[in-house]
Amino acid sequence: MNDGELRSALAAGDLAERKRLLREATQTYAATLLSLDSIDGDTNMLERGLNSLSAIELTKYLMLITDMEIPLVTIVDQPTPVLLGDHLAEEYTRVRERVPQ
């Protein structure tokens, strides 16, 4: 799925689908940044070698596909693809549906 298709799928999906899509996107992109074939959803990306420069690259990619501002500290607070994907999906849904925090 290319970036445009992913953006469309996020916009059309429900929360569960958004979580799945963002988990997968995070896993795939993080694995590429870490020069790995793949990483598990529960892999702590920081412990596997995600440094500040690669964290910036991951954040920029996630901002591109979600069209949201994502503070870099989010990756520190949500260091696995599952945690990060779920957090971003919830935030994406809140922003798109204007749900108060």
C-alpha atoms as a PDB file:
ATOM      1  CA  MET A   1       0.000   0.000   0.000  1.00  0.00           C
ATOM      2  CA  ASN A   2       1.508   3.341  -0.993  1.00  0.00           C
ATOM      3  CA  ASP A   3       1.301   6.477   1.154  1.00  0.00           C
ATOM      4  CA  GLY A   4      -1.757   7.854  -0.667  1.00  0.00           C
ATOM      5  CA  GLU A   5      -3.656   4.592  -0.322  1.00  0.00           C
ATOM      6  CA  LEU A   6      -2.709   4.427   3.345  1.00  0.00           C
ATOM      7  CA  ARG A   7      -3.971   7.963   3.938  1.00  0.00           C
ATOM      8  CA  SER A   8      -7.258   7.079   2.224  1.00  0.00           C
ATOM      9  CA  ALA A   9      -7.618   3.877   4.234  1.00  0.00           C
ATOM     10  CA  LEU A  10      -6.997   5.766   7.484  1.00  0.00           C
ATOM     11  CA  ALA A  11      -9.620   8.350   6.589  1.00  0.00           C
ATOM     12  CA  ALA A  12     -12.197   5.675   5.715  1.00  0.00           C
ATOM     13  CA  GLY A  13     -11.434   3.240   8.525  1.00  0.00           C
ATOM     14  CA  ASP A  14     -12.865   2.878  11.983  1.00  0.00           C
ATOM     15  CA  LEU A  15     -10.685   2.949  15.102  1.00  0.00           C
ATOM     16  CA  ALA A  16      -9.815  -0.763  14.934  1.00  0.00           C
ATOM     17  CA  GLU A  17      -8.786  -0.503  11.277  1.00  0.00           C
ATOM     18  CA  ARG A  18      -6.764   2.638  11.970  1.00  0.00           C
ATOM     19  CA  LYS A  19      -4.928   0.864  14.786  1.00  0.00           C
ATOM     20  CA  ARG A  20      -4.104  -2.054  12.487  1.00  0.00           C
ATOM     21  CA  LEU A  21      -2.917   0.220   9.684  1.00  0.00           C
ATOM     22  CA  LEU A  22      -0.778   2.421  11.922  1.00  0.00           C
ATOM     23  CA  ARG A  23       0.742  -0.547  13.738  1.00  0.00           C
ATOM     24  CA  GLU A  24       1.720  -2.102  10.412  1.00  0.00           C
ATOM     25  CA  ALA A  25       3.037   1.174   9.005  1.00  0.00           C
ATOM     26  CA  THR A  26       5.103   1.765  12.141  1.00  0.00           C
ATOM     27  CA  GLN A  27       6.494  -1.780  12.118  1.00  0.00           C
ATOM     28  CA  THR A  28       7.405  -1.653   8.447  1.00  0.00           C
ATOM     29  CA  TYR A  29       9.012   1.784   8.496  1.00  0.00           C
ATOM     30  CA  ALA A  30      10.852   1.193  11.777  1.00  0.00           C
ATOM     31  CA  ALA A  31      12.233  -2.110  10.482  1.00  0.00           C
ATOM     32  CA  THR A  32      13.539  -0.291   7.407  1.00  0.00           C
ATOM     33  CA  LEU A  33      15.158   2.412   9.549  1.00  0.00           C
ATOM     34  CA  LEU A  34      16.741  -0.243  11.753  1.00  0.00           C
ATOM     35  CA  SER A  35      17.945  -2.256   8.722  1.00  0.00           C
ATOM     36  CA  LEU A  36      15.903  -5.281   9.795  1.00  0.00           C
ATOM     37  CA  ASP A  37      13.661  -7.547   7.740  1.00  0.00           C
ATOM     38  CA  SER A  38      10.839  -7.026  10.231  1.00  0.00           C
ATOM     39  CA  ILE A  39      10.088  -6.274  13.874  1.00  0.00           C
ATOM     40  CA  ASP A  40       7.355  -7.554  16.149  1.00  0.00           C
ATOM     41  CA  GLY A  41       4.594  -5.290  17.342  1.00  0.00           C
ATOM     42  CA  ASP A  42       5.878  -5.501  20.909  1.00  0.00           C
ATOM     43  CA  THR A  43       9.503  -4.724  20.032  1.00  0.00           C
ATOM     44  CA  ASN A  44      10.865  -1.715  21.880  1.00  0.00           C
ATOM     45  CA  MET A  45      12.196   0.280  18.953  1.00  0.00           C
ATOM     46  CA  LEU A  46      14.504   2.358  21.167  1.00  0.00           C
ATOM     47  CA  GLU A  47      16.119  -0.752  22.638  1.00  0.00           C
ATOM     48  CA  ARG A  48      16.576  -2.159  19.113  1.00  0.00           C
ATOM     49  CA  GLY A  49      18.606   0.872  18.076  1.00  0.00           C
ATOM     50  CA  LEU A  50      16.189   3.596  16.993  1.00  0.00           C
ATOM     51  CA  ASN A  51      18.259   6.717  17.653  1.00  0.00           C
ATOM     52  CA  SER A  52      17.278  10.374  17.605  1.00  0.00           C
ATOM     53  CA  LEU A  53      17.823  10.763  13.846  1.00  0.00           C
ATOM     54  CA  SER A  54      15.853   7.658  12.943  1.00  0.00           C
ATOM     55  CA  ALA A  55      13.141   8.640  15.440  1.00  0.00           C
ATOM     56  CA  ILE A  56      12.834  11.957  13.598  1.00  0.00           C
ATOM     57  CA  GLU A  57      12.522  10.098  10.289  1.00  0.00           C
ATOM     58  CA  LEU A  58       9.829   7.814  11.721  1.00  0.00           C
ATOM     59  CA  THR A  59       7.957  10.792  13.160  1.00  0.00           C
ATOM     60  CA  LYS A  60       8.121  12.662   9.840  1.00  0.00           C
ATOM     61  CA  TYR A  61       6.758   9.619   8.003  1.00  0.00           C
ATOM     62  CA  LEU A  62       3.909   9.180  10.494  1.00  0.00           C
ATOM     63  CA  MET A  63       3.080  12.894  10.246  1.00  0.00           C
ATOM     64  CA  LEU A  64       2.973  12.544   6.458  1.00  0.00           C
ATOM     65  CA  ILE A  65       0.498   9.660   6.480  1.00  0.00           C
ATOM     66  CA  THR A  66      -1.688  11.000   9.303  1.00  0.00           C
ATOM     67  CA  ASP A  67      -1.496  14.712   8.496  1.00  0.00           C
ATOM     68  CA  MET A  68      -1.063  15.372  12.219  1.00  0.00           C
ATOM     69  CA  GLU A  69       1.636  17.076  14.255  1.00  0.00           C
ATOM     70  CA  ILE A  70       3.349  14.388  16.310  1.00  0.00           C
ATOM     71  CA  PRO A  71       5.772  15.430  19.049  1.00  0.00           C
ATOM     72  CA  LEU A  72       9.029  13.469  18.925  1.00  0.00           C
ATOM     73  CA  VAL A  73       8.557  12.522  22.581  1.00  0.00           C
ATOM     74  CA  THR A  74       5.602  10.375  21.489  1.00  0.00           C
ATOM     75  CA  ILE A  75       8.029   7.683  20.319  1.00  0.00           C
ATOM     76  CA  VAL A  76       9.763   7.739  23.709  1.00  0.00           C
ATOM     77  CA  ASP A  77       6.417   7.491  25.502  1.00  0.00           C
ATOM     78  CA  GLN A  78       5.070   4.830  23.089  1.00  0.00           C
ATOM     79  CA  PRO A  79       8.216   2.841  22.145  1.00  0.00           C
ATOM     80  CA  THR A  80       6.630  -0.193  20.466  1.00  0.00           C
ATOM     81  CA  PRO A  81       4.741  -0.316  17.165  1.00  0.00           C
ATOM     82  CA  VAL A  82       1.601  -1.500  18.977  1.00  0.00           C
ATOM     83  CA  LEU A  83       1.690   1.272  21.569  1.00  0.00           C
ATOM     84  CA  LEU A  84       2.576   3.936  19.030  1.00  0.00           C
ATOM     85  CA  GLY A  85       0.082   2.747  16.412  1.00  0.00           C
ATOM     86  CA  ASP A  86      -2.741   2.544  18.950  1.00  0.00           C
ATOM     87  CA  HIS A  87      -1.934   5.967  20.387  1.00  0.00           C
ATOM     88  CA  LEU A  88      -1.811   7.582  16.949  1.00  0.00           C
ATOM     89  CA  ALA A  89      -5.029   5.873  15.829  1.00  0.00           C
ATOM     90  CA  GLU A  90      -6.837   7.150  18.913  1.00  0.00           C
ATOM     91  CA  GLU A  91      -5.459  10.652  18.409  1.00  0.00           C
ATOM     92  CA  TYR A  92      -6.272  10.551  14.691  1.00  0.00           C
ATOM     93  CA  THR A  93      -9.843   9.505  15.468  1.00  0.00           C
ATOM     94  CA  ARG A  94     -10.201  12.181  18.145  1.00  0.00           C
ATOM     95  CA  VAL A  95      -8.943  14.900  15.797  1.00  0.00           C
ATOM     96  CA  ARG A  96     -11.023  13.747  12.820  1.00  0.00           C
ATOM     97  CA  GLU A  97     -14.186  13.303  14.846  1.00  0.00           C
ATOM     98  CA  ARG A  98     -13.483  16.277  17.107  1.00  0.00           C
ATOM     99  CA  VAL A  99     -13.827  14.181  20.259  1.00  0.00           C
ATOM    100  CA  PRO A 100     -12.691  16.047  23.393  1.00  0.00           C
ATOM    101  CA  GLN A 101      -9.726  14.604  25.306  1.00  0.00           C
END
